[in-house]
Amino acid sequence: MPLAHAAAVTETDFPESPSPPPTRNRSALWLLALLLLALVGWRGWVWWSAKASAAHAAFSDVEQRIAALESRLDSLRRDQRGQGQRLQQADATNRVLRDELLGIGQRAALLEDSVSKLADPDRHGAQALRLDETELLLVMGQQRLLLAADLDGARRAYALAAGVLSGIEDPAYLSLRQTLIQERAALDALGIDPRVQAQLKLDAFARTLQTAPHEPLAPGARRPWWQRLLGSLDAERTEERAVLDAGADRATAQAALQLELSLARAAAERRDAAAYRASLTRADAWLQRLWPPSPGLQRQRAQLQALAAMPLSPDLATLGSTLQQLRQQRAAR
């Protein structure tokens, strides 16, 4: 009861305050909304600025890192190029060293071969010197015969080789001495060199052409049956030869004949049998154009044919056999 009475007294003693007008409340709400919106905008701008700054800083950091990476890549490329150059230089050095090693190996093989040859008892002392001298003399004799046509020089060289070889007491070279004796006997039986002999006879034939007259056949001489059968053809040939009685034509034919003989000498000098015989065949044709048929012409043609049949090289099947056998024996031992 006292509480209810107190509440009643209060309500009756104090009158109610008047309520604020609604317009002022709305203005306060709008102002509060604007303040909140400004606060939110400011905070958003601050957040956006911080984010943009952070993004710009991150972008700058990324650019710096990219620049650093590019610089690092350039440095790596330079290092790679330097490494490649050093590898090329090392490869070239290795090739040079490999070539030098191969050269050293070859020189070592040559030294080993030389030592093995020096260890061979056949290479010691006077025997080795005598074998070397014998080989040298055999080579000299063979070359003097083939190149210079010096048969006497070849015989002297072979005689010296036989004297040197006789001083070797090793029975292994007995067959070599027998082969040398057979080759010397073949050289002694050869006589004059065929090339020199052919040149001498060719010179003698050229001299006889300038001095020997060519008389025609006697009118009453009996001709062979084939000449009588082909009399008309012989007459035509005689007319053709008569054309060469003129001074200029005959001088030209004689010069051509001497030229063919000179060509035959040159072919004999170089041992060219085919060119030698071809030159003498053409010379025979010029003989028949220069003089009419006669016994002298027949003799000259017979001499020319005999010259063409002569050999130009010595027929020595045993030439060089001693030298070949000596080299084989020395190589085998």
Protein backbone atom coordinates (compact mmCIF):
# COMPACT_ATOMS: atom_id res chain seq x y z
CA MET A 1 0.00 0.00 0.00
CA PRO A 2 2.70 2.57 0.68
CA LEU A 3 4.29 1.85 -2.70
CA ALA A 4 1.10 2.33 -4.60
CA HIS A 5 0.43 5.51 -2.79
CA ALA A 6 3.88 6.83 -3.61
CA ALA A 7 3.41 6.08 -7.27
CA ALA A 8 0.08 7.80 -7.29
CA VAL A 9 1.49 10.83 -5.55
CA THR A 10 4.33 11.08 -8.05
CA GLU A 11 2.08 10.87 -11.07
CA THR A 12 -0.18 13.51 -9.76
CA ASP A 13 2.50 15.83 -8.41
CA PHE A 14 4.72 16.03 -11.58
CA PRO A 15 3.09 16.72 -14.91
CA GLU A 16 4.38 15.04 -18.18
CA SER A 17 7.04 16.91 -20.30
CA PRO A 18 6.08 17.89 -23.82
CA SER A 19 7.43 15.59 -26.71
CA PRO A 20 9.99 17.09 -29.18
CA PRO A 21 8.76 18.05 -32.57
CA PRO A 22 9.17 15.40 -35.32
CA THR A 23 11.07 17.70 -37.76
CA ARG A 24 13.99 18.18 -35.41
CA ASN A 25 14.24 14.43 -34.89
CA ARG A 26 14.43 13.83 -38.61
CA SER A 27 17.13 16.44 -39.08
CA ALA A 28 19.17 14.83 -36.37
CA LEU A 29 18.78 11.46 -38.01
CA TRP A 30 19.84 12.81 -41.36
CA LEU A 31 22.78 14.54 -39.84
CA LEU A 32 23.76 11.39 -38.08
CA ALA A 33 23.39 9.43 -41.35
CA LEU A 34 25.53 11.98 -43.16
CA LEU A 35 28.16 11.80 -40.46
CA LEU A 36 28.13 8.02 -40.69
CA LEU A 37 28.30 8.17 -44.48
CA ALA A 38 31.19 10.63 -44.33
CA LEU A 39 32.91 8.45 -41.80
CA VAL A 40 32.39 5.40 -44.00
CA GLY A 41 33.60 7.31 -47.08
CA TRP A 42 36.64 8.59 -45.28
CA ARG A 43 37.44 5.12 -44.00
CA GLY A 44 36.87 3.72 -47.50
CA TRP A 45 39.12 6.37 -49.02
CA VAL A 46 41.75 5.66 -46.42
CA TRP A 47 41.43 1.92 -47.09
CA TRP A 48 41.54 2.43 -50.86
CA SER A 49 44.57 4.73 -50.56
CA ALA A 50 46.33 2.21 -48.36
CA LYS A 51 45.47 -0.56 -50.79
CA ALA A 52 46.62 1.50 -53.80
CA SER A 53 49.83 2.38 -52.00
CA ALA A 54 50.35 -1.24 -51.13
CA ALA A 55 49.62 -2.27 -54.73
CA HIS A 56 51.97 0.42 -56.05
CA ALA A 57 54.63 -0.70 -53.61
CA ALA A 58 54.05 -4.31 -54.59
CA PHE A 59 54.22 -3.34 -58.31
CA SER A 60 57.45 -1.44 -57.72
CA ASP A 61 58.78 -4.39 -55.81
CA VAL A 62 57.82 -6.71 -58.68
CA GLU A 63 59.51 -4.38 -61.20
CA GLN A 64 62.63 -4.28 -59.08
CA ARG A 65 62.58 -8.05 -58.81
CA ILE A 66 62.07 -8.39 -62.58
CA ALA A 67 64.96 -5.98 -63.22
CA ALA A 68 67.09 -7.94 -60.80
CA LEU A 69 66.10 -11.20 -62.52
CA GLU A 70 66.91 -9.75 -65.94
CA SER A 71 70.26 -8.55 -64.66
CA ARG A 72 70.84 -11.98 -63.19
CA LEU A 73 69.85 -13.62 -66.49
CA ASP A 74 72.25 -11.34 -68.40
CA SER A 75 74.98 -12.25 -65.96
CA LEU A 76 74.13 -15.95 -66.38
CA ARG A 77 74.20 -15.58 -70.17
CA ARG A 78 77.61 -13.91 -70.00
CA ASP A 79 78.82 -16.66 -67.73
CA GLN A 80 77.40 -19.25 -70.13
CA ARG A 81 79.15 -17.64 -73.10
CA GLY A 82 82.36 -17.53 -71.14
CA GLN A 83 81.93 -21.17 -70.18
CA GLY A 84 81.26 -22.05 -73.83
CA GLN A 85 84.41 -20.24 -74.95
CA ARG A 86 86.42 -21.95 -72.25
CA LEU A 87 84.96 -25.30 -73.31
CA GLN A 88 85.95 -24.61 -76.94
CA GLN A 89 89.45 -23.64 -75.84
CA ALA A 90 89.64 -26.76 -73.71
CA ASP A 91 88.44 -28.86 -76.67
CA ALA A 92 91.06 -27.32 -78.93
CA THR A 93 93.69 -27.89 -76.27
CA ASN A 94 92.56 -31.50 -75.93
CA ARG A 95 92.84 -32.00 -79.70
CA VAL A 96 96.33 -30.54 -79.69
CA LEU A 97 97.28 -32.72 -76.76
CA ARG A 98 95.78 -35.77 -78.48
CA ASP A 99 97.75 -35.03 -81.66
CA GLU A 100 100.88 -34.58 -79.59
CA LEU A 101 100.22 -37.86 -77.82
CA LEU A 102 99.75 -39.58 -81.17
CA GLY A 103 102.97 -38.02 -82.40
CA ILE A 104 104.75 -39.15 -79.25
CA GLY A 105 103.33 -42.66 -79.78
CA GLN A 106 104.54 -42.70 -83.37
CA ARG A 107 107.96 -41.46 -82.36
CA ALA A 108 108.06 -44.08 -79.64
CA ALA A 109 107.17 -46.76 -82.21
CA LEU A 110 109.92 -45.47 -84.51
CA LEU A 111 112.38 -45.46 -81.66
CA GLU A 112 111.33 -48.98 -80.74
CA ASP A 113 111.77 -50.08 -84.34
CA SER A 114 115.18 -48.43 -84.47
CA VAL A 115 116.21 -50.07 -81.22
CA SER A 116 115.00 -53.45 -82.47
CA LYS A 117 116.96 -52.96 -85.67
CA LEU A 118 120.01 -51.94 -83.71
CA ALA A 119 119.57 -55.03 -81.53
CA ASP A 120 119.65 -57.21 -84.67
CA PRO A 121 123.16 -58.70 -85.01
CA ASP A 122 122.98 -58.24 -88.78
CA ARG A 123 122.85 -54.48 -88.28
CA HIS A 124 126.11 -54.32 -86.37
CA GLY A 125 129.54 -53.50 -87.57
CA ALA A 126 130.97 -53.98 -91.02
CA GLN A 127 128.25 -56.36 -92.21
CA ALA A 128 125.52 -53.70 -92.02
CA LEU A 129 127.74 -51.19 -93.82
CA ARG A 130 128.60 -53.72 -96.52
CA LEU A 131 124.92 -54.54 -97.09
CA ASP A 132 124.05 -50.84 -97.37
CA GLU A 133 126.91 -50.27 -99.79
CA THR A 134 125.90 -53.29 -101.88
CA GLU A 135 122.30 -52.07 -102.13
CA LEU A 136 123.46 -48.60 -103.13
CA LEU A 137 125.77 -49.94 -105.85
CA LEU A 138 123.04 -52.18 -107.26
CA VAL A 139 120.62 -49.27 -107.43
CA MET A 140 123.25 -47.11 -109.14
CA GLY A 141 124.03 -49.79 -111.70
CA GLN A 142 120.38 -50.39 -112.55
CA GLN A 143 119.61 -46.67 -112.90
CA ARG A 144 122.68 -46.00 -115.06
CA LEU A 145 121.61 -48.74 -117.44
CA LEU A 146 117.94 -47.74 -117.67
CA LEU A 147 118.22 -43.95 -117.57
CA ALA A 148 121.62 -43.10 -119.01
CA ALA A 149 122.16 -46.19 -121.23
CA ASP A 150 125.62 -46.43 -119.63
CA LEU A 151 126.24 -50.15 -119.92
CA ASP A 152 129.91 -49.86 -118.93
CA GLY A 153 128.98 -47.83 -115.84
CA ALA A 154 126.38 -50.43 -114.90
CA ARG A 155 128.93 -53.20 -115.27
CA ARG A 156 131.40 -51.35 -113.05
CA ALA A 157 128.76 -50.74 -110.40
CA TYR A 158 127.75 -54.42 -110.41
CA ALA A 159 131.43 -55.45 -110.20
CA LEU A 160 131.92 -53.20 -107.16
CA ALA A 161 128.75 -54.64 -105.59
CA ALA A 162 130.07 -58.17 -106.12
CA GLY A 163 133.36 -57.21 -104.44
CA VAL A 164 131.59 -55.72 -101.43
CA LEU A 165 129.18 -58.64 -101.14
CA SER A 166 132.04 -61.16 -101.24
CA GLY A 167 133.36 -59.66 -97.98
CA ILE A 168 130.25 -60.80 -96.09
CA GLU A 169 130.88 -64.18 -94.49
CA ASP A 170 127.28 -64.87 -93.50
CA PRO A 171 126.14 -68.05 -95.32
CA ALA A 172 122.61 -66.63 -95.55
CA TYR A 173 123.78 -64.41 -98.43
CA LEU A 174 125.31 -67.21 -100.50
CA SER A 175 122.30 -67.42 -102.83
CA LEU A 176 122.45 -63.63 -103.22
CA ARG A 177 126.02 -63.86 -104.50
CA GLN A 178 124.98 -66.54 -107.01
CA THR A 179 122.14 -64.33 -108.27
CA LEU A 180 124.56 -61.43 -108.68
CA ILE A 181 126.93 -63.61 -110.70
CA GLN A 182 124.10 -64.57 -113.07
CA GLU A 183 123.03 -60.94 -113.50
CA ARG A 184 126.60 -59.85 -114.24
CA ALA A 185 126.94 -62.60 -116.83
CA ALA A 186 123.76 -61.34 -118.55
CA LEU A 187 125.15 -57.79 -118.59
CA ASP A 188 128.45 -58.96 -120.05
CA ALA A 189 126.64 -60.89 -122.80
CA LEU A 190 124.54 -57.87 -123.72
CA GLY A 191 127.29 -56.12 -125.68
CA ILE A 192 126.29 -52.59 -126.63
CA ASP A 193 123.05 -51.01 -125.44
CA PRO A 194 120.25 -51.56 -128.02
CA ARG A 195 119.26 -47.90 -127.90
CA VAL A 196 122.79 -46.71 -128.63
CA GLN A 197 123.20 -49.33 -131.36
CA ALA A 198 119.96 -48.21 -133.03
CA GLN A 199 121.02 -44.57 -132.90
CA LEU A 200 124.42 -45.35 -134.41
CA LYS A 201 122.91 -47.34 -137.27
CA LEU A 202 120.32 -44.64 -137.83
CA ASP A 203 123.06 -42.00 -138.12
CA ALA A 204 124.98 -44.21 -140.56
CA PHE A 205 121.82 -44.68 -142.63
CA ALA A 206 121.25 -40.90 -142.74
CA ARG A 207 124.82 -40.40 -144.03
CA THR A 208 124.37 -43.00 -146.79
CA LEU A 209 121.24 -41.17 -148.02
CA GLN A 210 123.30 -38.07 -148.82
CA THR A 211 126.11 -39.86 -150.69
CA ALA A 212 124.71 -43.02 -152.33
CA PRO A 213 123.24 -42.46 -155.85
CA HIS A 214 120.02 -44.23 -156.80
CA GLU A 215 120.32 -45.46 -160.38
CA PRO A 216 117.15 -46.60 -162.15
CA LEU A 217 116.58 -50.19 -163.26
CA ALA A 218 118.09 -51.24 -166.57
CA PRO A 219 115.61 -51.27 -169.47
CA GLY A 220 116.18 -54.98 -170.13
CA ALA A 221 116.02 -56.02 -166.49
CA ARG A 222 113.44 -58.62 -165.82
CA ARG A 223 110.78 -57.31 -163.48
CA PRO A 224 108.69 -59.49 -161.20
CA TRP A 225 105.44 -60.84 -162.55
CA TRP A 226 103.32 -58.67 -160.28
CA GLN A 227 105.07 -55.53 -161.59
CA ARG A 228 104.43 -56.60 -165.16
CA LEU A 229 100.81 -57.37 -164.28
CA LEU A 230 100.37 -53.97 -162.65
CA GLY A 231 102.41 -52.05 -165.17
CA SER A 232 99.90 -49.28 -165.53
CA LEU A 233 99.86 -48.71 -161.79
CA ASP A 234 103.67 -48.54 -161.74
CA ALA A 235 103.54 -46.02 -164.52
CA GLU A 236 101.18 -43.82 -162.53
CA ARG A 237 103.47 -44.08 -159.49
CA THR A 238 106.47 -43.18 -161.69
CA GLU A 239 104.59 -40.10 -162.89
CA GLU A 240 103.83 -39.16 -159.32
CA ARG A 241 107.52 -39.52 -158.39
CA ALA A 242 108.49 -37.47 -161.37
CA VAL A 243 106.61 -34.55 -159.86
CA LEU A 244 109.22 -34.47 -157.07
CA ASP A 245 112.04 -33.83 -159.56
CA ALA A 246 111.35 -30.11 -159.21
CA GLY A 247 113.80 -28.33 -156.95
CA ALA A 248 111.40 -26.97 -154.33
CA ASP A 249 109.35 -30.16 -154.04
CA ARG A 250 112.41 -32.38 -153.82
CA ALA A 251 114.03 -30.14 -151.18
CA THR A 252 110.81 -30.24 -149.17
CA ALA A 253 110.65 -34.03 -149.41
CA GLN A 254 114.30 -34.39 -148.36
CA ALA A 255 113.70 -32.07 -145.39
CA ALA A 256 110.66 -34.15 -144.42
CA LEU A 257 112.77 -37.33 -144.68
CA GLN A 258 115.46 -35.85 -142.41
CA LEU A 259 112.76 -34.69 -139.99
CA GLU A 260 111.35 -38.22 -139.74
CA LEU A 261 114.84 -39.58 -139.08
CA SER A 262 115.32 -36.97 -136.33
CA LEU A 263 112.01 -37.99 -134.80
CA ALA A 264 113.16 -41.60 -134.91
CA ARG A 265 116.37 -40.63 -133.06
CA ALA A 266 114.36 -38.81 -130.38
CA ALA A 267 112.02 -41.80 -129.97
CA ALA A 268 115.02 -44.13 -129.67
CA GLU A 269 116.51 -41.83 -127.01
CA ARG A 270 113.42 -42.19 -124.82
CA ARG A 271 112.94 -45.88 -125.76
CA ASP A 272 109.55 -45.25 -127.41
CA ALA A 273 109.37 -48.21 -129.78
CA ALA A 274 105.97 -47.29 -131.27
CA ALA A 275 106.98 -43.73 -132.19
CA TYR A 276 110.35 -45.02 -133.46
CA ARG A 277 108.77 -47.49 -135.88
CA ALA A 278 106.10 -44.98 -136.98
CA SER A 279 108.80 -42.42 -137.88
CA LEU A 280 110.76 -45.00 -139.87
CA THR A 281 107.58 -46.05 -141.73
CA ARG A 282 106.96 -42.45 -142.78
CA ALA A 283 110.63 -42.14 -143.77
CA ASP A 284 110.22 -45.21 -146.02
CA ALA A 285 107.27 -43.52 -147.71
CA TRP A 286 109.38 -40.42 -148.38
CA LEU A 287 112.16 -42.61 -149.83
CA GLN A 288 109.72 -44.01 -152.37
CA ARG A 289 108.60 -40.48 -153.25
CA LEU A 290 112.14 -39.19 -153.74
CA TRP A 291 113.68 -41.86 -155.99
CA PRO A 292 112.34 -44.23 -158.63
CA PRO A 293 112.63 -48.00 -158.15
CA SER A 294 116.27 -49.08 -158.24
CA PRO A 295 118.56 -51.59 -156.56
CA GLY A 296 119.95 -48.78 -154.38
CA LEU A 297 116.45 -47.81 -153.23
CA GLN A 298 115.67 -51.43 -152.43
CA ARG A 299 118.84 -51.66 -150.32
CA GLN A 300 117.98 -48.46 -148.49
CA ARG A 301 114.46 -49.69 -147.77
CA ALA A 302 115.82 -53.01 -146.55
CA GLN A 303 118.17 -51.16 -144.18
CA LEU A 304 115.28 -49.03 -142.98
CA GLN A 305 113.17 -52.09 -142.27
CA ALA A 306 116.05 -53.69 -140.40
CA LEU A 307 116.39 -50.51 -138.31
CA ALA A 308 112.67 -50.58 -137.52
CA ALA A 309 112.95 -54.18 -136.32
CA MET A 310 115.74 -53.39 -133.84
CA PRO A 311 114.84 -53.37 -130.10
CA LEU A 312 115.38 -50.23 -128.05
CA SER A 313 115.46 -51.72 -124.55
CA PRO A 314 117.84 -54.38 -123.26
CA ASP A 315 116.22 -57.77 -122.94
CA LEU A 316 117.38 -58.62 -119.44
CA ALA A 317 114.93 -60.73 -117.52
CA THR A 318 117.35 -60.90 -114.56
CA LEU A 319 117.89 -57.12 -114.29
CA GLY A 320 117.17 -55.99 -110.72
CA SER A 321 116.74 -59.53 -109.35
CA THR A 322 119.76 -59.22 -107.05
CA LEU A 323 118.54 -55.93 -105.61
CA GLN A 324 115.05 -57.33 -105.03
CA GLN A 325 116.39 -60.46 -103.33
CA LEU A 326 118.69 -58.38 -101.10
CA ARG A 327 115.80 -56.17 -99.96
CA GLN A 328 113.60 -59.15 -99.27
CA GLN A 329 116.25 -60.83 -97.16
CA ARG A 330 116.97 -57.68 -95.17
CA ALA A 331 113.26 -57.06 -94.58
CA ALA A 332 112.71 -60.66 -93.46
CA ARG A 333 115.64 -60.54 -91.02
